[in-house]
């Protein structure tokens, strides 16, 4: 019997990440971009700054280019192009004026 643990047997079932493994960058191929990103986060105190988001995007692109993660579109990774944001706002204003 262990002290501090409730009686009975505890089971722990680990679950894998949703998007698979995320291998370590043993060769340091993306380390400069990672350091820039971490410095940016420190500078803006963890806020979601557009500059830091661009560095995060560059870091993920580096990882994809060096086969450290599976290729995916940036939209699936939470990034949208500025063109997409602009077209979304114009399409909603166009549909709103069409409804009037």
N, C-alpha and C. Protein backbone atom coordinates (compact mmCIF):
# COMPACT_ATOMS: atom_id res chain seq x y z
N UNK A 1 0.84 -1.18 0.00
CA UNK A 1 0.00 0.00 0.00
C UNK A 1 0.88 1.24 0.00
N UNK A 2 0.56 2.20 -0.84
CA UNK A 2 1.32 3.44 -0.91
C UNK A 2 0.64 4.52 -0.10
N UNK A 3 1.43 5.27 0.62
CA UNK A 3 0.87 6.37 1.39
C UNK A 3 0.62 7.56 0.48
N UNK A 4 -0.48 8.26 0.71
CA UNK A 4 -0.81 9.45 -0.07
C UNK A 4 -1.60 9.16 -1.33
N UNK A 5 -1.81 7.89 -1.63
CA UNK A 5 -2.56 7.54 -2.81
C UNK A 5 -3.86 6.88 -2.37
N UNK A 6 -4.97 7.20 -3.08
CA UNK A 6 -6.22 6.55 -2.70
C UNK A 6 -6.13 5.04 -2.92
N UNK A 7 -6.87 4.28 -2.12
CA UNK A 7 -6.82 2.83 -2.28
C UNK A 7 -7.35 2.41 -3.65
N UNK A 8 -6.90 1.30 -4.11
CA UNK A 8 -7.31 0.81 -5.42
C UNK A 8 -6.20 1.03 -6.43
N UNK A 9 -6.40 0.50 -7.59
CA UNK A 9 -5.36 0.59 -8.60
C UNK A 9 -5.68 1.73 -9.56
N UNK A 10 -4.71 2.63 -9.75
CA UNK A 10 -4.86 3.73 -10.69
C UNK A 10 -4.30 3.31 -12.04
N UNK A 11 -5.04 3.60 -13.06
CA UNK A 11 -4.55 3.30 -14.40
C UNK A 11 -4.37 4.60 -15.16
N UNK A 12 -3.31 4.67 -15.91
CA UNK A 12 -3.03 5.84 -16.71
C UNK A 12 -2.88 5.39 -18.16
N UNK A 13 -3.72 5.94 -19.01
CA UNK A 13 -3.67 5.60 -20.43
C UNK A 13 -3.20 6.83 -21.21
N UNK A 14 -1.93 6.88 -21.58
CA UNK A 14 -1.46 8.03 -22.34
C UNK A 14 -2.09 8.07 -23.73
N UNK A 15 -2.33 9.26 -24.22
CA UNK A 15 -2.89 9.40 -25.55
C UNK A 15 -1.86 10.09 -26.44
N UNK A 16 -1.73 9.65 -27.68
CA UNK A 16 -0.76 10.27 -28.58
C UNK A 16 -1.25 11.65 -29.03
N UNK A 17 -0.34 12.52 -29.48
CA UNK A 17 -0.75 13.82 -29.98
C UNK A 17 -1.66 13.68 -31.19
N UNK A 18 -2.52 14.67 -31.41
CA UNK A 18 -3.46 14.61 -32.52
C UNK A 18 -2.76 14.54 -33.88
N UNK A 19 -1.69 15.28 -34.02
CA UNK A 19 -1.03 15.37 -35.32
C UNK A 19 0.23 14.52 -35.41
N UNK A 20 0.37 13.54 -34.57
CA UNK A 20 1.52 12.65 -34.64
C UNK A 20 2.71 13.17 -33.88
N UNK A 21 3.87 12.61 -34.18
CA UNK A 21 5.07 12.97 -33.44
C UNK A 21 5.64 14.31 -33.91
N UNK A 22 6.42 14.90 -33.06
CA UNK A 22 7.06 16.18 -33.35
C UNK A 22 8.53 15.99 -33.01
N UNK A 23 9.33 15.42 -33.96
CA UNK A 23 10.72 15.07 -33.65
C UNK A 23 11.56 16.27 -33.25
N UNK A 24 12.55 16.00 -32.41
CA UNK A 24 13.47 17.05 -32.00
C UNK A 24 14.39 17.42 -33.15
N UNK A 25 14.84 18.65 -33.14
CA UNK A 25 15.75 19.17 -34.17
C UNK A 25 17.18 18.93 -33.69
N UNK A 26 17.64 17.68 -33.78
CA UNK A 26 18.96 17.31 -33.25
C UNK A 26 20.10 18.05 -33.95
N UNK A 27 19.95 18.34 -35.24
CA UNK A 27 21.01 19.01 -35.99
C UNK A 27 20.95 20.53 -35.87
N UNK A 28 19.92 21.06 -35.24
CA UNK A 28 19.81 22.51 -35.04
C UNK A 28 19.53 23.28 -36.32
N UNK A 29 18.88 22.64 -37.28
CA UNK A 29 18.62 23.28 -38.57
C UNK A 29 17.67 24.47 -38.44
N UNK A 30 16.74 24.41 -37.53
CA UNK A 30 15.77 25.48 -37.36
C UNK A 30 16.02 26.29 -36.09
N UNK A 31 17.16 26.09 -35.47
CA UNK A 31 17.45 26.76 -34.20
C UNK A 31 17.52 28.28 -34.31
N UNK A 32 18.11 28.88 -35.35
CA UNK A 32 18.13 30.35 -35.43
C UNK A 32 16.73 30.97 -35.47
N UNK A 33 15.83 30.35 -36.24
CA UNK A 33 14.46 30.86 -36.32
C UNK A 33 13.76 30.69 -34.98
N UNK A 34 13.99 29.55 -34.32
CA UNK A 34 13.39 29.29 -33.01
C UNK A 34 13.84 30.33 -32.00
N UNK A 35 15.15 30.65 -32.01
CA UNK A 35 15.66 31.64 -31.06
C UNK A 35 15.06 33.02 -31.32
N UNK A 36 14.91 33.39 -32.59
CA UNK A 36 14.27 34.67 -32.92
C UNK A 36 12.83 34.70 -32.42
N UNK A 37 12.12 33.59 -32.60
CA UNK A 37 10.73 33.50 -32.15
C UNK A 37 10.64 33.62 -30.63
N UNK A 38 11.49 32.91 -29.92
CA UNK A 38 11.46 32.97 -28.45
C UNK A 38 11.84 34.36 -27.95
N UNK A 39 12.79 35.03 -28.62
CA UNK A 39 13.16 36.40 -28.25
C UNK A 39 11.99 37.35 -28.49
N UNK A 40 11.26 37.13 -29.57
CA UNK A 40 10.09 37.96 -29.87
C UNK A 40 9.02 37.77 -28.79
N UNK A 41 8.77 36.53 -28.40
CA UNK A 41 7.78 36.26 -27.35
C UNK A 41 8.18 36.94 -26.04
N UNK A 42 9.46 36.91 -25.73
CA UNK A 42 9.94 37.54 -24.51
C UNK A 42 9.76 39.06 -24.58
N UNK A 43 10.03 39.62 -25.77
CA UNK A 43 9.92 41.06 -25.96
C UNK A 43 8.49 41.56 -25.78
N UNK A 44 7.52 40.81 -26.31
CA UNK A 44 6.12 41.24 -26.23
C UNK A 44 5.39 40.60 -25.06
N UNK A 45 6.15 39.94 -24.18
CA UNK A 45 5.62 39.31 -22.95
C UNK A 45 4.51 38.32 -23.24
N UNK A 46 4.70 37.52 -24.28
CA UNK A 46 3.78 36.43 -24.57
C UNK A 46 2.51 36.82 -25.31
N UNK A 47 2.36 38.10 -25.68
CA UNK A 47 1.18 38.51 -26.43
C UNK A 47 1.23 37.97 -27.85
N UNK A 48 0.08 37.88 -28.49
CA UNK A 48 -0.02 37.34 -29.85
C UNK A 48 0.30 38.45 -30.85
N UNK A 49 1.56 38.83 -30.92
CA UNK A 49 2.02 39.91 -31.79
C UNK A 49 2.15 39.42 -33.23
N UNK A 50 1.76 40.23 -34.22
CA UNK A 50 1.87 39.79 -35.63
C UNK A 50 3.31 39.44 -36.03
N UNK A 51 4.28 40.17 -35.50
CA UNK A 51 5.68 39.87 -35.81
C UNK A 51 6.05 38.47 -35.32
N UNK A 52 5.61 38.13 -34.12
CA UNK A 52 5.90 36.80 -33.57
C UNK A 52 5.17 35.72 -34.34
N UNK A 53 3.97 36.02 -34.81
CA UNK A 53 3.23 35.03 -35.60
C UNK A 53 3.96 34.73 -36.90
N UNK A 54 4.57 35.74 -37.51
CA UNK A 54 5.33 35.51 -38.74
C UNK A 54 6.56 34.65 -38.46
N UNK A 55 7.20 34.87 -37.31
CA UNK A 55 8.35 34.04 -36.93
C UNK A 55 7.91 32.61 -36.64
N UNK A 56 6.75 32.44 -36.02
CA UNK A 56 6.22 31.09 -35.77
C UNK A 56 5.95 30.38 -37.09
N UNK A 57 5.40 31.12 -38.04
CA UNK A 57 5.13 30.56 -39.36
C UNK A 57 6.44 30.15 -40.05
N UNK A 58 7.47 31.00 -39.93
CA UNK A 58 8.77 30.67 -40.51
C UNK A 58 9.38 29.44 -39.85
N UNK A 59 9.19 29.32 -38.54
CA UNK A 59 9.71 28.16 -37.81
C UNK A 59 9.02 26.87 -38.27
N UNK A 60 7.70 26.91 -38.41
CA UNK A 60 6.98 25.73 -38.87
C UNK A 60 7.36 25.38 -40.30
N UNK A 61 7.56 26.41 -41.14
CA UNK A 61 7.99 26.16 -42.52
C UNK A 61 9.36 25.50 -42.53
N UNK A 62 10.27 25.96 -41.68
CA UNK A 62 11.60 25.36 -41.58
C UNK A 62 11.48 23.89 -41.18
N UNK A 63 10.64 23.60 -40.21
CA UNK A 63 10.47 22.21 -39.76
C UNK A 63 9.90 21.34 -40.88
N UNK A 64 8.96 21.89 -41.66
CA UNK A 64 8.41 21.13 -42.78
C UNK A 64 9.46 20.91 -43.86
N UNK A 65 10.28 21.94 -44.13
CA UNK A 65 11.31 21.84 -45.16
C UNK A 65 12.38 20.82 -44.81
N UNK A 66 12.63 20.61 -43.52
CA UNK A 66 13.66 19.67 -43.07
C UNK A 66 13.08 18.34 -42.58
N UNK A 67 11.84 18.05 -42.97
CA UNK A 67 11.17 16.79 -42.61
C UNK A 67 11.13 16.54 -41.10
N UNK A 68 10.96 17.62 -40.33
CA UNK A 68 10.82 17.47 -38.88
C UNK A 68 9.35 17.47 -38.46
N UNK A 69 8.48 17.70 -39.42
CA UNK A 69 7.04 17.57 -39.19
C UNK A 69 6.37 17.34 -40.53
N UNK A 70 5.17 16.81 -40.50
CA UNK A 70 4.43 16.53 -41.72
C UNK A 70 4.02 17.83 -42.40
N UNK A 71 4.06 17.83 -43.72
CA UNK A 71 3.62 19.01 -44.48
C UNK A 71 2.13 19.22 -44.27
N UNK A 72 1.76 20.47 -44.12
CA UNK A 72 0.36 20.83 -43.96
C UNK A 72 0.22 22.27 -44.42
N UNK A 73 -1.00 22.67 -44.73
CA UNK A 73 -1.21 24.07 -45.12
C UNK A 73 -1.17 24.93 -43.86
N UNK A 74 -0.75 26.17 -44.04
CA UNK A 74 -0.68 27.07 -42.89
C UNK A 74 -2.08 27.39 -42.37
N UNK A 75 -3.06 27.33 -43.21
CA UNK A 75 -4.44 27.56 -42.76
C UNK A 75 -4.85 26.49 -41.75
N UNK A 76 -4.43 25.24 -41.98
CA UNK A 76 -4.73 24.17 -41.03
C UNK A 76 -3.94 24.32 -39.74
N UNK A 77 -2.84 25.07 -39.78
CA UNK A 77 -2.02 25.28 -38.60
C UNK A 77 -2.40 26.56 -37.85
N UNK A 78 -3.47 27.22 -38.28
CA UNK A 78 -3.95 28.40 -37.57
C UNK A 78 -3.51 29.71 -38.15
N UNK A 79 -2.91 29.70 -39.33
CA UNK A 79 -2.48 30.93 -39.99
C UNK A 79 -3.37 31.18 -41.19
N UNK A 80 -3.70 32.46 -41.40
CA UNK A 80 -4.45 32.85 -42.58
C UNK A 80 -3.65 33.90 -43.31
N UNK A 81 -3.70 33.87 -44.64
CA UNK A 81 -3.03 34.90 -45.41
C UNK A 81 -3.78 36.21 -45.25
N UNK A 82 -3.06 37.32 -45.39
CA UNK A 82 -3.70 38.63 -45.28
C UNK A 82 -4.75 38.79 -46.38
N UNK A 83 -4.52 38.18 -47.54
CA UNK A 83 -5.49 38.24 -48.63
C UNK A 83 -6.80 37.61 -48.20
N UNK A 84 -6.72 36.47 -47.49
CA UNK A 84 -7.93 35.78 -47.03
C UNK A 84 -8.72 36.65 -46.07
N UNK A 85 -8.01 37.35 -45.16
CA UNK A 85 -8.70 38.20 -44.19
C UNK A 85 -9.42 39.34 -44.91
N UNK A 86 -8.76 39.93 -45.90
CA UNK A 86 -9.36 41.04 -46.65
C UNK A 86 -10.55 40.59 -47.46
N UNK A 87 -10.44 39.43 -48.12
CA UNK A 87 -11.54 38.96 -48.95
C UNK A 87 -12.73 38.55 -48.09
N UNK A 88 -12.48 38.09 -46.87
CA UNK A 88 -13.57 37.71 -45.98
C UNK A 88 -14.37 38.94 -45.58
N UNK A 89 -13.67 40.04 -45.27
CA UNK A 89 -14.39 41.24 -44.84
C UNK A 89 -15.13 41.87 -46.01
N UNK A 90 -14.58 41.81 -47.24
CA UNK A 90 -15.28 42.40 -48.37
C UNK A 90 -16.45 41.54 -48.77
N UNK A 91 -16.33 40.23 -48.65
CA UNK A 91 -17.44 39.36 -49.03
C UNK A 91 -18.60 39.51 -48.06
N UNK A 92 -18.31 39.74 -46.76
CA UNK A 92 -19.41 39.92 -45.82
C UNK A 92 -20.07 41.27 -46.01
N UNK A 93 -19.30 42.30 -46.37
CA UNK A 93 -19.92 43.60 -46.59
C UNK A 93 -20.73 43.58 -47.88
N UNK A 94 -20.29 42.80 -48.90
CA UNK A 94 -21.02 42.70 -50.14
C UNK A 94 -22.33 41.95 -49.91
N UNK A 95 -22.28 40.88 -49.14
CA UNK A 95 -23.50 40.12 -48.89
C UNK A 95 -24.47 40.90 -48.02
N UNK A 96 -23.92 41.73 -47.11
CA UNK A 96 -24.78 42.54 -46.25
C UNK A 96 -25.50 43.59 -47.07
N UNK A 97 -24.80 44.23 -48.03
CA UNK A 97 -25.43 45.25 -48.84
C UNK A 97 -26.42 44.62 -49.82
N UNK A 98 -26.19 43.39 -50.23
CA UNK A 98 -27.10 42.71 -51.14
C UNK A 98 -28.39 42.34 -50.43
N UNK A 99 -28.32 42.11 -49.11
CA UNK A 99 -29.52 41.75 -48.37
C UNK A 99 -30.43 42.94 -48.12
N UNK A 100 -29.87 44.15 -48.10
CA UNK A 100 -30.67 45.36 -47.84
C UNK A 100 -31.51 45.67 -48.99
